[in-house]
């Protein structure tokens, strides 16, 4: 989603909140329904955390692959500058 940067992170936070709400509401139910609520809430939270970690890893890997390219282009395009020399002492 390049049109809306950061939208995937916001959606993942919303999913974490929904998973928490499902688990919170499952506490009020009877045994069988409570177990199902815990499982569904745990799966929602687990998938959201997994996707966030995978997204972070992909971004870090992509960024680290670009760094040598930028370093090479920066150093080759910079003008060569010499430090000012002190006048010779008499």
C-alpha atoms as a PDB file:
ATOM      1  CA  UNK A   1       0.000   0.000   0.000  1.00  0.00           C
ATOM      2  CA  UNK A   2       2.286   2.743  -1.217  1.00  0.00           C
ATOM      3  CA  UNK A   3      -0.560   5.263  -1.477  1.00  0.00           C
ATOM      4  CA  UNK A   4      -1.075   5.251   2.298  1.00  0.00           C
ATOM      5  CA  UNK A   5       2.208   4.707   4.151  1.00  0.00           C
ATOM      6  CA  UNK A   6       1.733   3.306   7.619  1.00  0.00           C
ATOM      7  CA  UNK A   7      -1.769   1.978   6.984  1.00  0.00           C
ATOM      8  CA  UNK A   8      -0.699  -1.645   7.440  1.00  0.00           C
ATOM      9  CA  UNK A   9       0.765  -0.862  10.859  1.00  0.00           C
ATOM     10  CA  UNK A  10      -2.461   0.868  11.872  1.00  0.00           C
ATOM     11  CA  UNK A  11      -4.549  -2.080  10.695  1.00  0.00           C
ATOM     12  CA  UNK A  12      -2.345  -4.475  12.645  1.00  0.00           C
ATOM     13  CA  UNK A  13      -2.821  -2.433  15.804  1.00  0.00           C
ATOM     14  CA  UNK A  14      -6.572  -2.532  15.224  1.00  0.00           C
ATOM     15  CA  UNK A  15      -6.364  -6.323  14.823  1.00  0.00           C
ATOM     16  CA  UNK A  16      -4.451  -6.586  18.084  1.00  0.00           C
ATOM     17  CA  UNK A  17      -7.196  -4.585  19.773  1.00  0.00           C
ATOM     18  CA  UNK A  18      -9.926  -6.747  18.272  1.00  0.00           C
ATOM     19  CA  UNK A  19      -8.125  -9.893  19.415  1.00  0.00           C
ATOM     20  CA  UNK A  20      -7.881  -8.496  22.925  1.00  0.00           C
ATOM     21  CA  UNK A  21     -11.575  -7.584  22.939  1.00  0.00           C
ATOM     22  CA  UNK A  22     -12.508 -11.106  21.806  1.00  0.00           C
ATOM     23  CA  UNK A  23     -10.449 -12.602  24.629  1.00  0.00           C
ATOM     24  CA  UNK A  24     -11.935 -10.143  27.153  1.00  0.00           C
ATOM     25  CA  UNK A  25     -15.491 -10.970  26.076  1.00  0.00           C
ATOM     26  CA  UNK A  26     -14.729 -14.694  26.123  1.00  0.00           C
ATOM     27  CA  UNK A  27     -14.113 -14.506  29.876  1.00  0.00           C
ATOM     28  CA  UNK A  28     -17.819 -13.895  30.438  1.00  0.00           C
ATOM     29  CA  UNK A  29     -18.995 -16.960  28.519  1.00  0.00           C
ATOM     30  CA  UNK A  30     -19.435 -20.590  29.510  1.00  0.00           C
ATOM     31  CA  UNK A  31     -16.723 -23.219  29.217  1.00  0.00           C
ATOM     32  CA  UNK A  32     -17.012 -24.309  25.570  1.00  0.00           C
ATOM     33  CA  UNK A  33     -17.691 -20.843  24.173  1.00  0.00           C
ATOM     34  CA  UNK A  34     -14.966 -19.398  26.389  1.00  0.00           C
ATOM     35  CA  UNK A  35     -12.409 -21.810  24.913  1.00  0.00           C
ATOM     36  CA  UNK A  36     -13.477 -20.948  21.373  1.00  0.00           C
ATOM     37  CA  UNK A  37     -13.195 -17.223  22.167  1.00  0.00           C
ATOM     38  CA  UNK A  38      -9.718 -17.678  23.616  1.00  0.00           C
ATOM     39  CA  UNK A  39      -8.606 -19.617  20.546  1.00  0.00           C
ATOM     40  CA  UNK A  40     -10.034 -17.098  18.074  1.00  0.00           C
ATOM     41  CA  UNK A  41      -8.611 -14.118  19.992  1.00  0.00           C
ATOM     42  CA  UNK A  42      -5.227 -15.810  20.329  1.00  0.00           C
ATOM     43  CA  UNK A  43      -5.103 -16.623  16.626  1.00  0.00           C
ATOM     44  CA  UNK A  44      -5.982 -13.015  15.713  1.00  0.00           C
ATOM     45  CA  UNK A  45      -3.272 -11.652  18.006  1.00  0.00           C
ATOM     46  CA  UNK A  46      -0.729 -14.240  16.877  1.00  0.00           C
ATOM     47  CA  UNK A  47      -1.287 -13.563  13.184  1.00  0.00           C
ATOM     48  CA  UNK A  48      -1.127  -9.801  13.686  1.00  0.00           C
ATOM     49  CA  UNK A  49       2.156 -10.073  15.598  1.00  0.00           C
ATOM     50  CA  UNK A  50       3.602 -12.497  13.043  1.00  0.00           C
ATOM     51  CA  UNK A  51       2.662 -10.240  10.146  1.00  0.00           C
ATOM     52  CA  UNK A  52       4.120  -7.185  11.910  1.00  0.00           C
ATOM     53  CA  UNK A  53       7.403  -9.015  12.592  1.00  0.00           C
ATOM     54  CA  UNK A  54       7.579 -10.243   8.984  1.00  0.00           C
ATOM     55  CA  UNK A  55       6.855  -6.747   7.675  1.00  0.00           C
ATOM     56  CA  UNK A  56       9.578  -5.278   9.894  1.00  0.00           C
ATOM     57  CA  UNK A  57      12.076  -7.931   8.771  1.00  0.00           C
ATOM     58  CA  UNK A  58      11.315  -7.314   5.083  1.00  0.00           C
ATOM     59  CA  UNK A  59      11.699  -3.546   5.493  1.00  0.00           C
ATOM     60  CA  UNK A  60      14.994  -3.950   7.351  1.00  0.00           C
ATOM     61  CA  UNK A  61      16.324  -6.352   4.724  1.00  0.00           C
ATOM     62  CA  UNK A  62      15.284  -4.054   1.872  1.00  0.00           C
ATOM     63  CA  UNK A  63      16.837  -1.043   3.583  1.00  0.00           C
ATOM     64  CA  UNK A  64      20.112  -2.837   4.299  1.00  0.00           C
ATOM     65  CA  UNK A  65      20.415  -3.854   0.653  1.00  0.00           C
ATOM     66  CA  UNK A  66      20.098  -0.231  -0.453  1.00  0.00           C
ATOM     67  CA  UNK A  67      22.750   1.173   1.906  1.00  0.00           C
ATOM     68  CA  UNK A  68      25.847   0.075  -0.091  1.00  0.00           C
ATOM     69  CA  UNK A  69      24.298   1.535  -3.253  1.00  0.00           C
ATOM     70  CA  UNK A  70      23.730   4.914  -1.615  1.00  0.00           C
ATOM     71  CA  UNK A  71      27.218   4.937  -0.100  1.00  0.00           C
ATOM     72  CA  UNK A  72      28.771   4.191  -3.490  1.00  0.00           C
ATOM     73  CA  UNK A  73      26.788   6.887  -5.279  1.00  0.00           C
ATOM     74  CA  UNK A  74      27.380   9.469  -2.555  1.00  0.00           C
ATOM     75  CA  UNK A  75      31.139   9.054  -2.490  1.00  0.00           C
ATOM     76  CA  UNK A  76      31.523   8.993  -6.253  1.00  0.00           C
ATOM     77  CA  UNK A  77      29.387  12.090  -6.774  1.00  0.00           C
ATOM     78  CA  UNK A  78      30.903  14.207  -4.029  1.00  0.00           C
ATOM     79  CA  UNK A  79      33.445  16.733  -5.257  1.00  0.00           C
ATOM     80  CA  UNK A  80      36.939  16.143  -4.073  1.00  0.00           C
ATOM     81  CA  UNK A  81      37.750  18.738  -1.462  1.00  0.00           C
ATOM     82  CA  UNK A  82      41.046  19.325   0.159  1.00  0.00           C
ATOM     83  CA  UNK A  83      41.513  20.731   3.615  1.00  0.00           C
ATOM     84  CA  UNK A  84      42.840  24.287   3.801  1.00  0.00           C
ATOM     85  CA  UNK A  85      46.575  24.326   4.272  1.00  0.00           C
ATOM     86  CA  UNK A  86      48.223  26.464   6.909  1.00  0.00           C
ATOM     87  CA  UNK A  87      50.601  29.097   5.542  1.00  0.00           C
ATOM     88  CA  UNK A  88      54.224  28.110   5.852  1.00  0.00           C
ATOM     89  CA  UNK A  89      55.867  29.436   8.983  1.00  0.00           C
ATOM     90  CA  UNK A  90      58.886  31.730   8.623  1.00  0.00           C
END
